[in-house]
Amino acid sequence: MLQEDFHISDEIIVGKLHSLFARNAKNRYCKIRIDHGKHDWSWWKSEMMTKWANNSWRFKMENEFESATLNSEKDKPLTWFFKQKDRLSALHPDMSDTTINMKI
């Protein structure tokens, strides 16, 4: 999408991956980068789809969304809400904000 919409080169997109990922995703990215070396955006996109866009990942996200309940004693409401929003957005990228809010 970035390439098509903004004419951003592979080098810039791949160069930003390290700063975009956090925690486990960043560790996975660093390990793959060390093991496999430099690759273009299409290669990285394929790797991400293999890891995160599969039935196992989808099942995990759906279960986490369904089982998450707001506990006012341990959760900050805004943090909990955005975590739920991120889960739904990852599962259904075309879902409108209104629909996401209603599901939450």
N, C-alpha and C. Protein backbone atom coordinates (compact mmCIF):
# COMPACT_ATOMS: atom_id res chain seq x y z
N MET A 1 0.82 -1.18 0.00
CA MET A 1 0.00 0.00 0.00
C MET A 1 0.87 1.26 0.00
N LEU A 2 1.91 1.30 0.81
CA LEU A 2 2.77 2.47 0.83
C LEU A 2 3.44 2.69 -0.51
N GLN A 3 3.85 1.60 -1.14
CA GLN A 3 4.49 1.73 -2.45
C GLN A 3 3.53 2.32 -3.46
N GLU A 4 2.31 1.82 -3.48
CA GLU A 4 1.32 2.26 -4.47
C GLU A 4 0.81 3.67 -4.17
N ASP A 5 0.48 3.95 -2.93
CA ASP A 5 -0.13 5.24 -2.59
C ASP A 5 0.87 6.39 -2.52
N PHE A 6 2.06 6.12 -2.01
CA PHE A 6 3.02 7.20 -1.78
C PHE A 6 4.31 7.06 -2.57
N HIS A 7 4.40 6.02 -3.38
CA HIS A 7 5.60 5.76 -4.20
C HIS A 7 6.86 5.70 -3.33
N ILE A 8 6.75 5.00 -2.21
CA ILE A 8 7.88 4.83 -1.30
C ILE A 8 8.66 3.59 -1.74
N SER A 9 9.96 3.71 -1.73
CA SER A 9 10.82 2.62 -2.20
C SER A 9 10.90 1.48 -1.19
N ASP A 10 11.30 0.31 -1.69
CA ASP A 10 11.51 -0.86 -0.83
C ASP A 10 12.47 -0.56 0.30
N GLU A 11 13.55 0.15 -0.01
CA GLU A 11 14.58 0.42 0.99
C GLU A 11 14.01 1.20 2.18
N ILE A 12 13.16 2.17 1.91
CA ILE A 12 12.59 2.98 2.99
C ILE A 12 11.61 2.14 3.81
N ILE A 13 10.76 1.38 3.15
CA ILE A 13 9.78 0.55 3.87
C ILE A 13 10.50 -0.47 4.75
N VAL A 14 11.44 -1.20 4.17
CA VAL A 14 12.17 -2.23 4.92
C VAL A 14 12.99 -1.58 6.04
N GLY A 15 13.53 -0.40 5.78
CA GLY A 15 14.30 0.32 6.79
C GLY A 15 13.47 0.72 8.00
N LYS A 16 12.19 0.91 7.82
CA LYS A 16 11.30 1.32 8.91
C LYS A 16 10.78 0.14 9.74
N LEU A 17 10.92 -1.08 9.24
CA LEU A 17 10.36 -2.24 9.94
C LEU A 17 10.88 -2.35 11.37
N HIS A 18 12.17 -2.13 11.56
CA HIS A 18 12.76 -2.26 12.90
C HIS A 18 12.09 -1.32 13.89
N SER A 19 11.77 -0.12 13.46
CA SER A 19 11.16 0.84 14.39
C SER A 19 9.64 0.65 14.53
N LEU A 20 9.02 -0.06 13.59
CA LEU A 20 7.58 -0.28 13.66
C LEU A 20 7.19 -1.42 14.60
N PHE A 21 8.04 -2.42 14.70
CA PHE A 21 7.72 -3.58 15.52
C PHE A 21 8.05 -3.33 16.99
N ALA A 22 7.36 -4.07 17.86
CA ALA A 22 7.61 -3.99 19.30
C ALA A 22 7.66 -5.40 19.88
N ARG A 23 8.34 -5.53 20.98
CA ARG A 23 8.43 -6.77 21.76
C ARG A 23 8.70 -8.01 20.90
N ASN A 24 7.77 -8.97 20.93
CA ASN A 24 7.99 -10.25 20.24
C ASN A 24 8.17 -10.08 18.74
N ALA A 25 7.40 -9.19 18.14
CA ALA A 25 7.51 -8.97 16.70
C ALA A 25 8.89 -8.41 16.35
N LYS A 26 9.40 -7.51 17.18
CA LYS A 26 10.72 -6.93 16.92
C LYS A 26 11.80 -8.00 17.08
N ASN A 27 11.68 -8.83 18.10
CA ASN A 27 12.65 -9.91 18.29
C ASN A 27 12.63 -10.87 17.11
N ARG A 28 11.43 -11.20 16.64
CA ARG A 28 11.31 -12.09 15.49
C ARG A 28 11.93 -11.46 14.25
N TYR A 29 11.64 -10.17 14.03
CA TYR A 29 12.21 -9.46 12.88
C TYR A 29 13.74 -9.48 12.93
N CYS A 30 14.30 -9.16 14.09
CA CYS A 30 15.77 -9.13 14.23
C CYS A 30 16.38 -10.50 13.97
N LYS A 31 15.75 -11.54 14.49
CA LYS A 31 16.28 -12.90 14.28
C LYS A 31 16.24 -13.28 12.80
N ILE A 32 15.12 -13.01 12.14
CA ILE A 32 15.00 -13.33 10.72
C ILE A 32 16.00 -12.51 9.91
N ARG A 33 16.17 -11.24 10.26
CA ARG A 33 17.11 -10.36 9.54
C ARG A 33 18.53 -10.88 9.66
N ILE A 34 18.90 -11.35 10.85
CA ILE A 34 20.24 -11.91 11.07
C ILE A 34 20.40 -13.22 10.30
N ASP A 35 19.38 -14.08 10.37
CA ASP A 35 19.46 -15.40 9.72
C ASP A 35 19.42 -15.33 8.20
N HIS A 36 18.61 -14.41 7.65
CA HIS A 36 18.37 -14.40 6.20
C HIS A 36 18.96 -13.21 5.47
N GLY A 37 19.42 -12.21 6.20
CA GLY A 37 20.02 -11.05 5.54
C GLY A 37 19.00 -10.08 4.99
N LYS A 38 19.49 -9.20 4.13
CA LYS A 38 18.67 -8.13 3.56
C LYS A 38 17.77 -8.67 2.44
N HIS A 39 16.50 -8.27 2.49
CA HIS A 39 15.53 -8.65 1.45
C HIS A 39 14.63 -7.47 1.14
N ASP A 40 13.91 -7.56 0.03
CA ASP A 40 13.00 -6.48 -0.35
C ASP A 40 11.66 -6.62 0.38
N TRP A 41 10.80 -5.62 0.17
CA TRP A 41 9.53 -5.56 0.87
C TRP A 41 8.65 -6.76 0.59
N SER A 42 8.59 -7.23 -0.64
CA SER A 42 7.71 -8.36 -0.96
C SER A 42 8.10 -9.62 -0.19
N TRP A 43 9.40 -9.82 0.04
CA TRP A 43 9.87 -10.96 0.83
C TRP A 43 9.41 -10.82 2.28
N TRP A 44 9.59 -9.63 2.85
CA TRP A 44 9.18 -9.40 4.24
C TRP A 44 7.66 -9.52 4.40
N LYS A 45 6.93 -9.01 3.42
CA LYS A 45 5.48 -9.11 3.47
C LYS A 45 5.05 -10.58 3.48
N SER A 46 5.68 -11.39 2.66
CA SER A 46 5.39 -12.82 2.62
C SER A 46 5.70 -13.48 3.97
N GLU A 47 6.83 -13.12 4.58
CA GLU A 47 7.19 -13.66 5.90
C GLU A 47 6.15 -13.29 6.95
N MET A 48 5.69 -12.04 6.92
CA MET A 48 4.70 -11.60 7.90
C MET A 48 3.37 -12.31 7.69
N MET A 49 2.99 -12.49 6.44
CA MET A 49 1.73 -13.19 6.16
C MET A 49 1.81 -14.64 6.63
N THR A 50 2.97 -15.27 6.46
CA THR A 50 3.16 -16.65 6.91
C THR A 50 3.02 -16.74 8.43
N LYS A 51 3.60 -15.78 9.13
CA LYS A 51 3.60 -15.81 10.59
C LYS A 51 2.25 -15.40 11.19
N TRP A 52 1.69 -14.30 10.69
CA TRP A 52 0.54 -13.72 11.37
C TRP A 52 -0.78 -13.83 10.64
N ALA A 53 -0.80 -14.12 9.38
CA ALA A 53 -2.08 -14.18 8.66
C ALA A 53 -2.46 -15.63 8.38
N ASN A 54 -2.55 -16.42 9.44
CA ASN A 54 -2.92 -17.82 9.27
C ASN A 54 -4.05 -18.17 10.25
N ASN A 55 -4.61 -19.34 10.10
CA ASN A 55 -5.75 -19.74 10.93
C ASN A 55 -5.43 -19.79 12.41
N SER A 56 -4.23 -20.23 12.76
CA SER A 56 -3.83 -20.32 14.16
C SER A 56 -3.79 -18.93 14.79
N TRP A 57 -3.18 -17.98 14.08
CA TRP A 57 -3.10 -16.61 14.58
C TRP A 57 -4.49 -16.00 14.72
N ARG A 58 -5.33 -16.21 13.69
CA ARG A 58 -6.69 -15.68 13.71
C ARG A 58 -7.48 -16.25 14.89
N PHE A 59 -7.36 -17.55 15.13
CA PHE A 59 -8.04 -18.20 16.24
C PHE A 59 -7.58 -17.59 17.57
N LYS A 60 -6.29 -17.37 17.71
CA LYS A 60 -5.74 -16.79 18.93
C LYS A 60 -6.29 -15.37 19.15
N MET A 61 -6.30 -14.55 18.10
CA MET A 61 -6.82 -13.19 18.22
C MET A 61 -8.30 -13.18 18.58
N GLU A 62 -9.07 -14.04 17.94
CA GLU A 62 -10.51 -14.11 18.24
C GLU A 62 -10.74 -14.53 19.69
N ASN A 63 -9.99 -15.51 20.16
CA ASN A 63 -10.13 -15.96 21.55
C ASN A 63 -9.73 -14.87 22.53
N GLU A 64 -8.64 -14.17 22.24
CA GLU A 64 -8.21 -13.09 23.13
C GLU A 64 -9.24 -11.97 23.17
N PHE A 65 -9.83 -11.66 22.01
CA PHE A 65 -10.87 -10.63 21.99
C PHE A 65 -12.08 -11.06 22.81
N GLU A 66 -12.54 -12.28 22.60
CA GLU A 66 -13.74 -12.77 23.28
C GLU A 66 -13.54 -12.93 24.79
N SER A 67 -12.35 -13.33 25.20
CA SER A 67 -12.12 -13.61 26.62
C SER A 67 -11.71 -12.37 27.43
N ALA A 68 -11.35 -11.30 26.75
CA ALA A 68 -10.90 -10.09 27.46
C ALA A 68 -12.10 -9.38 28.08
N THR A 69 -12.02 -9.18 29.38
CA THR A 69 -13.04 -8.41 30.08
C THR A 69 -12.36 -7.28 30.82
N LEU A 70 -13.02 -6.16 30.89
CA LEU A 70 -12.46 -4.99 31.56
C LEU A 70 -12.55 -5.17 33.06
N ASN A 71 -11.39 -5.19 33.70
CA ASN A 71 -11.31 -5.27 35.15
C ASN A 71 -10.84 -3.91 35.64
N SER A 72 -11.75 -3.14 36.23
CA SER A 72 -11.44 -1.76 36.61
C SER A 72 -10.33 -1.65 37.66
N GLU A 73 -10.07 -2.74 38.37
CA GLU A 73 -9.03 -2.71 39.39
C GLU A 73 -7.63 -2.88 38.80
N LYS A 74 -7.51 -3.61 37.70
CA LYS A 74 -6.17 -3.84 37.15
C LYS A 74 -5.96 -3.25 35.76
N ASP A 75 -7.03 -2.94 35.03
CA ASP A 75 -6.90 -2.42 33.66
C ASP A 75 -7.23 -0.93 33.61
N LYS A 76 -6.47 -0.22 32.77
CA LYS A 76 -6.84 1.15 32.45
C LYS A 76 -7.85 1.05 31.30
N PRO A 77 -9.02 1.66 31.44
CA PRO A 77 -10.06 1.50 30.42
C PRO A 77 -9.61 1.84 29.00
N LEU A 78 -8.88 2.93 28.84
CA LEU A 78 -8.46 3.33 27.51
C LEU A 78 -7.47 2.33 26.91
N THR A 79 -6.55 1.83 27.73
CA THR A 79 -5.59 0.83 27.26
C THR A 79 -6.31 -0.45 26.86
N TRP A 80 -7.25 -0.90 27.67
CA TRP A 80 -8.03 -2.10 27.36
C TRP A 80 -8.81 -1.91 26.06
N PHE A 81 -9.46 -0.75 25.92
CA PHE A 81 -10.26 -0.47 24.73
C PHE A 81 -9.40 -0.52 23.47
N PHE A 82 -8.25 0.15 23.49
CA PHE A 82 -7.41 0.19 22.29
C PHE A 82 -6.80 -1.17 21.96
N LYS A 83 -6.55 -1.97 22.98
CA LYS A 83 -6.07 -3.34 22.72
C LYS A 83 -7.15 -4.14 22.00
N GLN A 84 -8.39 -4.00 22.46
CA GLN A 84 -9.50 -4.68 21.80
C GLN A 84 -9.70 -4.16 20.37
N LYS A 85 -9.58 -2.85 20.21
CA LYS A 85 -9.73 -2.23 18.89
C LYS A 85 -8.65 -2.75 17.95
N ASP A 86 -7.41 -2.84 18.43
CA ASP A 86 -6.30 -3.36 17.61
C ASP A 86 -6.55 -4.80 17.19
N ARG A 87 -7.08 -5.60 18.11
CA ARG A 87 -7.38 -7.00 17.77
C ARG A 87 -8.42 -7.09 16.67
N LEU A 88 -9.50 -6.33 16.81
CA LEU A 88 -10.55 -6.36 15.78
C LEU A 88 -10.04 -5.80 14.46
N SER A 89 -9.26 -4.73 14.52
CA SER A 89 -8.73 -4.15 13.29
C SER A 89 -7.80 -5.11 12.57
N ALA A 90 -7.05 -5.88 13.33
CA ALA A 90 -6.15 -6.87 12.72
C ALA A 90 -6.95 -8.00 12.08
N LEU A 91 -8.02 -8.41 12.74
CA LEU A 91 -8.85 -9.49 12.21
C LEU A 91 -9.71 -9.05 11.03
N HIS A 92 -10.19 -7.80 11.10
CA HIS A 92 -11.11 -7.28 10.08
C HIS A 92 -10.65 -5.89 9.65
N PRO A 93 -9.65 -5.80 8.79
CA PRO A 93 -9.09 -4.50 8.41
C PRO A 93 -10.09 -3.56 7.74
N ASP A 94 -11.13 -4.09 7.14
CA ASP A 94 -12.10 -3.24 6.44
C ASP A 94 -13.28 -2.83 7.32
N MET A 95 -13.27 -3.25 8.57
CA MET A 95 -14.38 -2.94 9.48
C MET A 95 -14.33 -1.45 9.86
N SER A 96 -15.48 -0.80 9.84
CA SER A 96 -15.53 0.63 10.17
C SER A 96 -15.33 0.83 11.67
N ASP A 97 -14.93 2.04 12.04
CA ASP A 97 -14.75 2.37 13.46
C ASP A 97 -16.06 2.23 14.23
N THR A 98 -17.15 2.59 13.60
CA THR A 98 -18.46 2.47 14.25
C THR A 98 -18.77 1.01 14.58
N THR A 99 -18.53 0.12 13.64
CA THR A 99 -18.79 -1.30 13.87
C THR A 99 -17.85 -1.85 14.93
N ILE A 100 -16.60 -1.44 14.89
CA ILE A 100 -15.63 -1.88 15.92
C ILE A 100 -16.10 -1.44 17.30
N ASN A 101 -16.51 -0.18 17.41
CA ASN A 101 -16.99 0.33 18.70
C ASN A 101 -18.20 -0.44 19.20
N MET A 102 -19.10 -0.78 18.30
CA MET A 102 -20.29 -1.54 18.69
C MET A 102 -19.92 -2.95 19.15
N LYS A 103 -18.96 -3.59 18.49
CA LYS A 103 -18.54 -4.94 18.88
C LYS A 103 -17.86 -4.94 20.24
N ILE A 104 -17.10 -3.90 20.52
CA ILE A 104 -16.41 -3.82 21.81
C ILE A 104 -17.43 -3.57 22.89
